[in-house]
Amino acid sequence: MKKDAYVGFVAEISKQLAKKILQEEGDLSARARTIDGDIAGLVREIGLQTSKLVLQETCEVKVAKKKPKA
């Protein structure tokens, strides 16, 4: 994977996620020791959903190439 191609995108999404967390969550100072686990869970879910979408599209493209043209 071309990780350099995603550096700016990851930075932008990180800022957006941080902003949303700060808007939605209450007293984060009381949860300072555990907030990283909560964020890791969100990022894990993003990864799972992204993987699913990429794999679905990859399969659809592969199948479309294999189908005989009518």
C-alpha atoms as a PDB file:
ATOM      1  CA  MET A   1       0.000   0.000   0.000  1.00  0.00           C
ATOM      2  CA  LYS A   2       1.241   3.472  -0.865  1.00  0.00           C
ATOM      3  CA  LYS A   3       1.061   4.901   2.659  1.00  0.00           C
ATOM      4  CA  ASP A   4       2.554   8.237   1.590  1.00  0.00           C
ATOM      5  CA  ALA A   5      -0.488   8.790  -0.618  1.00  0.00           C
ATOM      6  CA  TYR A   6      -2.752   8.880   2.448  1.00  0.00           C
ATOM      7  CA  VAL A   7      -0.780  11.078   4.863  1.00  0.00           C
ATOM      8  CA  GLY A   8      -2.787  14.249   4.232  1.00  0.00           C
ATOM      9  CA  PHE A   9      -6.072  12.366   4.186  1.00  0.00           C
ATOM     10  CA  VAL A  10      -5.322  10.657   7.496  1.00  0.00           C
ATOM     11  CA  ALA A  11      -4.363  13.996   9.053  1.00  0.00           C
ATOM     12  CA  GLU A  12      -7.617  15.588   7.881  1.00  0.00           C
ATOM     13  CA  ILE A  13      -9.795  12.703   9.064  1.00  0.00           C
ATOM     14  CA  SER A  14      -7.974  12.710  12.408  1.00  0.00           C
ATOM     15  CA  LYS A  15      -8.774  16.396  12.871  1.00  0.00           C
ATOM     16  CA  GLN A  16     -12.417  15.778  11.993  1.00  0.00           C
ATOM     17  CA  LEU A  17     -12.688  12.853  14.411  1.00  0.00           C
ATOM     18  CA  ALA A  18     -11.018  14.836  17.208  1.00  0.00           C
ATOM     19  CA  LYS A  19     -13.415  17.744  16.635  1.00  0.00           C
ATOM     20  CA  LYS A  20     -16.441  15.412  16.723  1.00  0.00           C
ATOM     21  CA  ILE A  21     -15.229  13.700  19.907  1.00  0.00           C
ATOM     22  CA  LEU A  22     -14.662  17.050  21.606  1.00  0.00           C
ATOM     23  CA  GLN A  23     -18.183  18.166  20.590  1.00  0.00           C
ATOM     24  CA  GLU A  24     -19.978  14.980  21.634  1.00  0.00           C
ATOM     25  CA  GLU A  25     -18.213  13.784  24.737  1.00  0.00           C
ATOM     26  CA  GLY A  26     -18.549  15.183  28.209  1.00  0.00           C
ATOM     27  CA  ASP A  27     -15.786  15.565  30.764  1.00  0.00           C
ATOM     28  CA  LEU A  28     -12.869  14.086  28.850  1.00  0.00           C
ATOM     29  CA  SER A  29     -10.420  15.048  31.572  1.00  0.00           C
ATOM     30  CA  ALA A  30     -12.036  12.436  33.818  1.00  0.00           C
ATOM     31  CA  ARG A  31     -11.488   9.815  31.115  1.00  0.00           C
ATOM     32  CA  ALA A  32      -7.979  10.855  30.055  1.00  0.00           C
ATOM     33  CA  ARG A  33      -6.572   7.429  30.915  1.00  0.00           C
ATOM     34  CA  THR A  34      -9.113   5.491  28.865  1.00  0.00           C
ATOM     35  CA  ILE A  35     -10.031   7.764  25.958  1.00  0.00           C
ATOM     36  CA  ASP A  36      -7.295   6.242  23.784  1.00  0.00           C
ATOM     37  CA  GLY A  37      -9.072   2.880  24.007  1.00  0.00           C
ATOM     38  CA  ASP A  38     -12.358   4.447  22.977  1.00  0.00           C
ATOM     39  CA  ILE A  39     -10.697   6.159  20.024  1.00  0.00           C
ATOM     40  CA  ALA A  40      -8.943   2.930  19.062  1.00  0.00           C
ATOM     41  CA  GLY A  41     -12.350   1.235  18.949  1.00  0.00           C
ATOM     42  CA  LEU A  42     -13.710   3.912  16.616  1.00  0.00           C
ATOM     43  CA  VAL A  43     -10.669   3.700  14.357  1.00  0.00           C
ATOM     44  CA  ARG A  44     -10.933  -0.101  14.315  1.00  0.00           C
ATOM     45  CA  GLU A  45     -14.562   0.168  13.181  1.00  0.00           C
ATOM     46  CA  ILE A  46     -13.556   2.646  10.468  1.00  0.00           C
ATOM     47  CA  GLY A  47     -10.907   0.178   9.314  1.00  0.00           C
ATOM     48  CA  LEU A  48     -13.357  -2.706   9.214  1.00  0.00           C
ATOM     49  CA  GLN A  49     -15.931  -0.755   7.242  1.00  0.00           C
ATOM     50  CA  THR A  50     -13.291   0.575   4.844  1.00  0.00           C
ATOM     51  CA  SER A  51     -11.871  -2.917   4.285  1.00  0.00           C
ATOM     52  CA  LYS A  52     -15.345  -4.253   3.572  1.00  0.00           C
ATOM     53  CA  LEU A  53     -16.064  -1.534   1.011  1.00  0.00           C
ATOM     54  CA  VAL A  54     -12.694  -1.942  -0.727  1.00  0.00           C
ATOM     55  CA  LEU A  55     -13.024  -5.723  -0.885  1.00  0.00           C
ATOM     56  CA  GLN A  56     -16.609  -5.527  -2.164  1.00  0.00           C
ATOM     57  CA  GLU A  57     -15.611  -3.157  -4.947  1.00  0.00           C
ATOM     58  CA  THR A  58     -12.567  -5.266  -5.814  1.00  0.00           C
ATOM     59  CA  CYS A  59     -14.739  -8.379  -6.082  1.00  0.00           C
ATOM     60  CA  GLU A  60     -17.359  -6.603  -8.172  1.00  0.00           C
ATOM     61  CA  VAL A  61     -14.724  -5.371 -10.613  1.00  0.00           C
ATOM     62  CA  LYS A  62     -13.185  -8.840 -10.837  1.00  0.00           C
ATOM     63  CA  VAL A  63     -16.571 -10.482 -11.457  1.00  0.00           C
ATOM     64  CA  ALA A  64     -17.481  -7.875 -14.072  1.00  0.00           C
ATOM     65  CA  LYS A  65     -14.278  -8.667 -15.947  1.00  0.00           C
ATOM     66  CA  LYS A  66     -15.006 -12.412 -15.845  1.00  0.00           C
ATOM     67  CA  LYS A  67     -18.619 -12.165 -17.093  1.00  0.00           C
ATOM     68  CA  PRO A  68     -19.034 -12.863 -20.783  1.00  0.00           C
ATOM     69  CA  LYS A  69     -20.139  -9.835 -22.737  1.00  0.00           C
ATOM     70  CA  ALA A  70     -23.654 -10.167 -24.153  1.00  0.00           C
END
